[in-house]
C-alpha cells in the first residue's frame, strides 16, 4: 500500500492537475497529508525531547539548543548554515527525495529533517494544491504551507519557531 501511494505521489508531482484522474489526485492528497503529518509529529518529537532535556523552556530556547547541537552533527556538517540561511536559500540544499531519507536521531537533526520534508512537499504540491480538498476546522497542512510561504525570506530557525507555535503545539 505504501509503495503504491508513494509511486502515485511521485507520478503526480510530474503532472498538471488536468492530466490526473480524480483517483490519482485523491491518492496524491492522502500521501501529501501523510508526509506533512509525519513531519509535524517529528517536530513534536524533537520538541518534546528537547523540553525534557531542558526541564521546560520556551520554543525560542529550544531552537537555540538545536543551533548549538547541530554544530556537532556528523549527519549535517552544514547544519548551522542551514538553520541560519533563509528558507528560500535553504531550498537549494534540499533533495526532492527528502522524505525517503532515514529519520535522524538527534532533536536538532530531526527538526531540520522535518522542515526539509515540509518544504519539499510544499514545493512539489504548489501546482496541485488548489485541487486538493479543504478540511473542516484547521487544516494544518495548509497552515504549515502558508507559514513556509510567508516566511521564506526569514531564517530557517524563525520558520521552525512559527511552525512549532502554530502547527505543532
C-alpha atoms as a PDB file:
ATOM      1  CA  UNK A   1       0.000   0.000   0.000  1.00  0.00           C
ATOM      2  CA  UNK A   2       2.752   2.471   0.971  1.00  0.00           C
ATOM      3  CA  UNK A   3       4.683   1.810  -2.244  1.00  0.00           C
ATOM      4  CA  UNK A   4       1.562   2.327  -4.327  1.00  0.00           C
ATOM      5  CA  UNK A   5       0.821   5.603  -2.556  1.00  0.00           C
ATOM      6  CA  UNK A   6       4.424   6.760  -2.861  1.00  0.00           C
ATOM      7  CA  UNK A   7       4.609   5.822  -6.552  1.00  0.00           C
ATOM      8  CA  UNK A   8       1.406   7.728  -7.249  1.00  0.00           C
ATOM      9  CA  UNK A   9       2.756  10.768  -5.380  1.00  0.00           C
ATOM     10  CA  UNK A  10       5.971  10.700  -7.423  1.00  0.00           C
ATOM     11  CA  UNK A  11       3.929  10.398 -10.621  1.00  0.00           C
ATOM     12  CA  UNK A  12       1.551  13.234  -9.714  1.00  0.00           C
ATOM     13  CA  UNK A  13       4.264  15.780  -8.957  1.00  0.00           C
ATOM     14  CA  UNK A  14       5.390  15.483 -12.581  1.00  0.00           C
ATOM     15  CA  UNK A  15       1.930  16.218 -13.996  1.00  0.00           C
ATOM     16  CA  UNK A  16      -0.591  19.028 -14.033  1.00  0.00           C
ATOM     17  CA  UNK A  17      -3.973  18.502 -12.397  1.00  0.00           C
ATOM     18  CA  UNK A  18      -5.762  18.211 -15.739  1.00  0.00           C
ATOM     19  CA  UNK A  19      -3.513  15.246 -16.611  1.00  0.00           C
ATOM     20  CA  UNK A  20      -4.536  13.339 -13.487  1.00  0.00           C
ATOM     21  CA  UNK A  21      -7.626  11.349 -12.670  1.00  0.00           C
ATOM     22  CA  UNK A  22      -9.718  12.141  -9.603  1.00  0.00           C
ATOM     23  CA  UNK A  23      -8.444   8.945  -8.004  1.00  0.00           C
ATOM     24  CA  UNK A  24      -4.804   9.861  -8.645  1.00  0.00           C
ATOM     25  CA  UNK A  25      -5.407  13.295  -7.098  1.00  0.00           C
ATOM     26  CA  UNK A  26      -7.067  11.775  -4.028  1.00  0.00           C
ATOM     27  CA  UNK A  27      -4.191   9.356  -3.518  1.00  0.00           C
ATOM     28  CA  UNK A  28      -1.758  12.233  -4.010  1.00  0.00           C
ATOM     29  CA  UNK A  29      -3.590  14.206  -1.332  1.00  0.00           C
ATOM     30  CA  UNK A  30      -3.519  11.215   1.010  1.00  0.00           C
ATOM     31  CA  UNK A  31       0.248  10.815   0.616  1.00  0.00           C
ATOM     32  CA  UNK A  32       0.901  14.566   0.858  1.00  0.00           C
ATOM     33  CA  UNK A  33      -1.083  14.821   4.093  1.00  0.00           C
ATOM     34  CA  UNK A  34       0.677  11.714   5.422  1.00  0.00           C
ATOM     35  CA  UNK A  35       4.084  13.293   4.776  1.00  0.00           C
ATOM     36  CA  UNK A  36       3.065  16.559   6.387  1.00  0.00           C
ATOM     37  CA  UNK A  37       1.629  14.695   9.382  1.00  0.00           C
ATOM     38  CA  UNK A  38       4.852  12.705   9.729  1.00  0.00           C
ATOM     39  CA  UNK A  39       6.908  15.911   9.651  1.00  0.00           C
ATOM     40  CA  UNK A  40       4.776  17.705  12.222  1.00  0.00           C
ATOM     41  CA  UNK A  41       4.935  14.661  14.506  1.00  0.00           C
ATOM     42  CA  UNK A  42       8.705  14.552  14.067  1.00  0.00           C
ATOM     43  CA  UNK A  43       8.874  18.205  15.096  1.00  0.00           C
ATOM     44  CA  UNK A  44       6.747  17.399  18.144  1.00  0.00           C
ATOM     45  CA  UNK A  45       9.070  14.515  18.996  1.00  0.00           C
ATOM     46  CA  UNK A  46      12.148  16.747  18.690  1.00  0.00           C
ATOM     47  CA  UNK A  47      10.496  19.486  20.731  1.00  0.00           C
ATOM     48  CA  UNK A  48       9.344  17.071  23.439  1.00  0.00           C
ATOM     49  CA  UNK A  49      12.800  15.545  23.757  1.00  0.00           C
ATOM     50  CA  UNK A  50      14.415  18.977  23.989  1.00  0.00           C
ATOM     51  CA  UNK A  51      11.897  20.254  26.518  1.00  0.00           C
ATOM     52  CA  UNK A  52      12.568  17.206  28.640  1.00  0.00           C
ATOM     53  CA  UNK A  53      16.329  17.749  28.394  1.00  0.00           C
ATOM     54  CA  UNK A  54      15.922  21.427  29.344  1.00  0.00           C
ATOM     55  CA  UNK A  55      13.373  20.719  32.103  1.00  0.00           C
ATOM     56  CA  UNK A  56      10.972  23.007  30.249  1.00  0.00           C
ATOM     57  CA  UNK A  57      11.730  26.056  28.134  1.00  0.00           C
ATOM     58  CA  UNK A  58      10.252  28.441  25.603  1.00  0.00           C
ATOM     59  CA  UNK A  59      10.323  27.443  21.951  1.00  0.00           C
ATOM     60  CA  UNK A  60      12.986  30.058  21.238  1.00  0.00           C
ATOM     61  CA  UNK A  61      15.296  28.467  23.837  1.00  0.00           C
ATOM     62  CA  UNK A  62      14.755  25.051  22.294  1.00  0.00           C
ATOM     63  CA  UNK A  63      15.758  26.453  18.898  1.00  0.00           C
ATOM     64  CA  UNK A  64      18.922  27.916  20.469  1.00  0.00           C
ATOM     65  CA  UNK A  65      19.883  24.469  21.765  1.00  0.00           C
ATOM     66  CA  UNK A  66      19.205  22.982  18.344  1.00  0.00           C
ATOM     67  CA  UNK A  67      21.569  25.544  16.815  1.00  0.00           C
ATOM     68  CA  UNK A  68      24.216  24.578  19.384  1.00  0.00           C
ATOM     69  CA  UNK A  69      23.650  20.835  18.916  1.00  0.00           C
ATOM     70  CA  UNK A  70      23.655  20.880  15.111  1.00  0.00           C
ATOM     71  CA  UNK A  71      27.230  22.236  15.145  1.00  0.00           C
ATOM     72  CA  UNK A  72      28.334  18.833  16.480  1.00  0.00           C
ATOM     73  CA  UNK A  73      26.360  16.806  13.940  1.00  0.00           C
ATOM     74  CA  UNK A  74      28.154  14.408  11.634  1.00  0.00           C
ATOM     75  CA  UNK A  75      24.991  13.941   9.549  1.00  0.00           C
ATOM     76  CA  UNK A  76      24.538  17.667   8.914  1.00  0.00           C
ATOM     77  CA  UNK A  77      28.037  19.166   8.654  1.00  0.00           C
ATOM     78  CA  UNK A  78      26.486  22.393   7.337  1.00  0.00           C
ATOM     79  CA  UNK A  79      23.682  22.276   9.906  1.00  0.00           C
ATOM     80  CA  UNK A  80      24.356  25.696  11.387  1.00  0.00           C
ATOM     81  CA  UNK A  81      24.455  27.189   7.907  1.00  0.00           C
ATOM     82  CA  UNK A  82      21.107  25.515   7.164  1.00  0.00           C
ATOM     83  CA  UNK A  83      19.466  26.858  10.324  1.00  0.00           C
ATOM     84  CA  UNK A  84      20.594  30.445   9.733  1.00  0.00           C
ATOM     85  CA  UNK A  85      20.008  30.578   5.969  1.00  0.00           C
ATOM     86  CA  UNK A  86      16.673  31.878   4.743  1.00  0.00           C
ATOM     87  CA  UNK A  87      14.168  29.220   3.793  1.00  0.00           C
ATOM     88  CA  UNK A  88      14.476  30.385   0.180  1.00  0.00           C
ATOM     89  CA  UNK A  89      18.274  29.902   0.313  1.00  0.00           C
ATOM     90  CA  UNK A  90      17.826  26.572   2.057  1.00  0.00           C
ATOM     91  CA  UNK A  91      15.763  25.286  -0.881  1.00  0.00           C
ATOM     92  CA  UNK A  92      18.981  24.869  -2.882  1.00  0.00           C
ATOM     93  CA  UNK A  93      20.207  22.294  -0.321  1.00  0.00           C
ATOM     94  CA  UNK A  94      17.032  20.212  -0.405  1.00  0.00           C
ATOM     95  CA  UNK A  95      16.737  16.810  -2.006  1.00  0.00           C
ATOM     96  CA  UNK A  96      13.432  16.073  -3.723  1.00  0.00           C
ATOM     97  CA  UNK A  97      13.567  12.643  -2.067  1.00  0.00           C
ATOM     98  CA  UNK A  98      13.941  14.124   1.412  1.00  0.00           C
ATOM     99  CA  UNK A  99      11.019  12.084   2.723  1.00  0.00           C
ATOM    100  CA  UNK A 100      12.767   8.813   1.852  1.00  0.00           C
ATOM    101  CA  UNK A 101      15.837   9.577   3.944  1.00  0.00           C
ATOM    102  CA  UNK A 102      16.159   7.755   7.274  1.00  0.00           C
ATOM    103  CA  UNK A 103      14.840   9.557  10.325  1.00  0.00           C
ATOM    104  CA  UNK A 104      17.700  11.253  12.186  1.00  0.00           C
ATOM    105  CA  UNK A 105      18.321  10.531  15.870  1.00  0.00           C
ATOM    106  CA  UNK A 106      19.128  13.913  17.430  1.00  0.00           C
ATOM    107  CA  UNK A 107      16.425  16.503  18.069  1.00  0.00           C
ATOM    108  CA  UNK A 108      18.153  19.241  16.061  1.00  0.00           C
ATOM    109  CA  UNK A 109      18.624  16.862  13.126  1.00  0.00           C
ATOM    110  CA  UNK A 110      15.002  15.707  13.398  1.00  0.00           C
ATOM    111  CA  UNK A 111      13.816  19.312  13.304  1.00  0.00           C
ATOM    112  CA  UNK A 112      15.913  20.080  10.247  1.00  0.00           C
ATOM    113  CA  UNK A 113      14.747  16.900   8.517  1.00  0.00           C
ATOM    114  CA  UNK A 114      11.117  17.731   9.321  1.00  0.00           C
ATOM    115  CA  UNK A 115      11.299  21.278   7.967  1.00  0.00           C
ATOM    116  CA  UNK A 116      13.079  19.904   4.889  1.00  0.00           C
ATOM    117  CA  UNK A 117      10.307  17.382   4.200  1.00  0.00           C
ATOM    118  CA  UNK A 118       7.663  20.067   4.735  1.00  0.00           C
ATOM    119  CA  UNK A 119       9.323  22.484   2.337  1.00  0.00           C
ATOM    120  CA  UNK A 120       9.871  19.799  -0.304  1.00  0.00           C
ATOM    121  CA  UNK A 121       6.210  18.798  -0.013  1.00  0.00           C
ATOM    122  CA  UNK A 122       5.107  22.417  -0.309  1.00  0.00           C
ATOM    123  CA  UNK A 123       7.221  22.994  -3.389  1.00  0.00           C
ATOM    124  CA  UNK A 124       6.145  19.732  -5.005  1.00  0.00           C
ATOM    125  CA  UNK A 125       2.454  20.404  -4.409  1.00  0.00           C
ATOM    126  CA  UNK A 126       2.192  24.082  -5.404  1.00  0.00           C
ATOM    127  CA  UNK A 127       0.523  23.372  -8.747  1.00  0.00           C
ATOM    128  CA  UNK A 128      -1.811  20.694  -7.368  1.00  0.00           C
ATOM    129  CA  UNK A 129      -2.762  22.263  -4.038  1.00  0.00           C
ATOM    130  CA  UNK A 130      -5.794  24.134  -5.359  1.00  0.00           C
ATOM    131  CA  UNK A 131      -7.244  20.784  -6.491  1.00  0.00           C
ATOM    132  CA  UNK A 132      -6.963  19.243  -3.042  1.00  0.00           C
ATOM    133  CA  UNK A 133      -9.962  19.241  -0.772  1.00  0.00           C
ATOM    134  CA  UNK A 134     -10.323  21.603   2.159  1.00  0.00           C
ATOM    135  CA  UNK A 135     -10.833  20.012   5.548  1.00  0.00           C
ATOM    136  CA  UNK A 136     -13.241  21.225   8.202  1.00  0.00           C
ATOM    137  CA  UNK A 137     -11.670  23.150  11.047  1.00  0.00           C
ATOM    138  CA  UNK A 138      -7.996  23.963  10.970  1.00  0.00           C
ATOM    139  CA  UNK A 139      -6.146  22.452   8.030  1.00  0.00           C
ATOM    140  CA  UNK A 140      -2.649  22.059   9.473  1.00  0.00           C
ATOM    141  CA  UNK A 141      -1.145  21.160   6.132  1.00  0.00           C
ATOM    142  CA  UNK A 142      -2.339  24.397   4.552  1.00  0.00           C
ATOM    143  CA  UNK A 143      -1.465  26.383   7.677  1.00  0.00           C
ATOM    144  CA  UNK A 144       2.055  24.944   7.593  1.00  0.00           C
ATOM    145  CA  UNK A 145       2.436  25.679   3.885  1.00  0.00           C
ATOM    146  CA  UNK A 146       1.157  29.245   4.438  1.00  0.00           C
ATOM    147  CA  UNK A 147       3.830  29.780   7.101  1.00  0.00           C
ATOM    148  CA  UNK A 148       6.541  28.344   4.849  1.00  0.00           C
ATOM    149  CA  UNK A 149       5.474  30.670   2.046  1.00  0.00           C
ATOM    150  CA  UNK A 150       5.053  33.731   4.264  1.00  0.00           C
ATOM    151  CA  UNK A 151       8.405  33.246   5.987  1.00  0.00           C
ATOM    152  CA  UNK A 152      10.549  32.019   3.087  1.00  0.00           C
ATOM    153  CA  UNK A 153      12.728  35.149   3.314  1.00  0.00           C
ATOM    154  CA  UNK A 154      13.329  34.504   7.039  1.00  0.00           C
ATOM    155  CA  UNK A 155      15.957  32.205   8.582  1.00  0.00           C
ATOM    156  CA  UNK A 156      15.034  28.527   8.876  1.00  0.00           C
ATOM    157  CA  UNK A 157      15.155  28.763  12.678  1.00  0.00           C
ATOM    158  CA  UNK A 158      12.486  31.507  12.558  1.00  0.00           C
ATOM    159  CA  UNK A 159      10.340  29.349  10.290  1.00  0.00           C
ATOM    160  CA  UNK A 160      10.724  26.494  12.774  1.00  0.00           C
ATOM    161  CA  UNK A 161       9.543  28.732  15.608  1.00  0.00           C
ATOM    162  CA  UNK A 162       6.431  29.696  13.660  1.00  0.00           C
ATOM    163  CA  UNK A 163       5.597  26.140  12.586  1.00  0.00           C
ATOM    164  CA  UNK A 164       6.128  24.875  16.124  1.00  0.00           C
ATOM    165  CA  UNK A 165       3.960  27.591  17.655  1.00  0.00           C
ATOM    166  CA  UNK A 166       1.082  27.491  15.185  1.00  0.00           C
ATOM    167  CA  UNK A 167       1.018  23.933  13.851  1.00  0.00           C
ATOM    168  CA  UNK A 168       2.656  21.674  16.423  1.00  0.00           C
ATOM    169  CA  UNK A 169       1.843  22.996  19.903  1.00  0.00           C
END
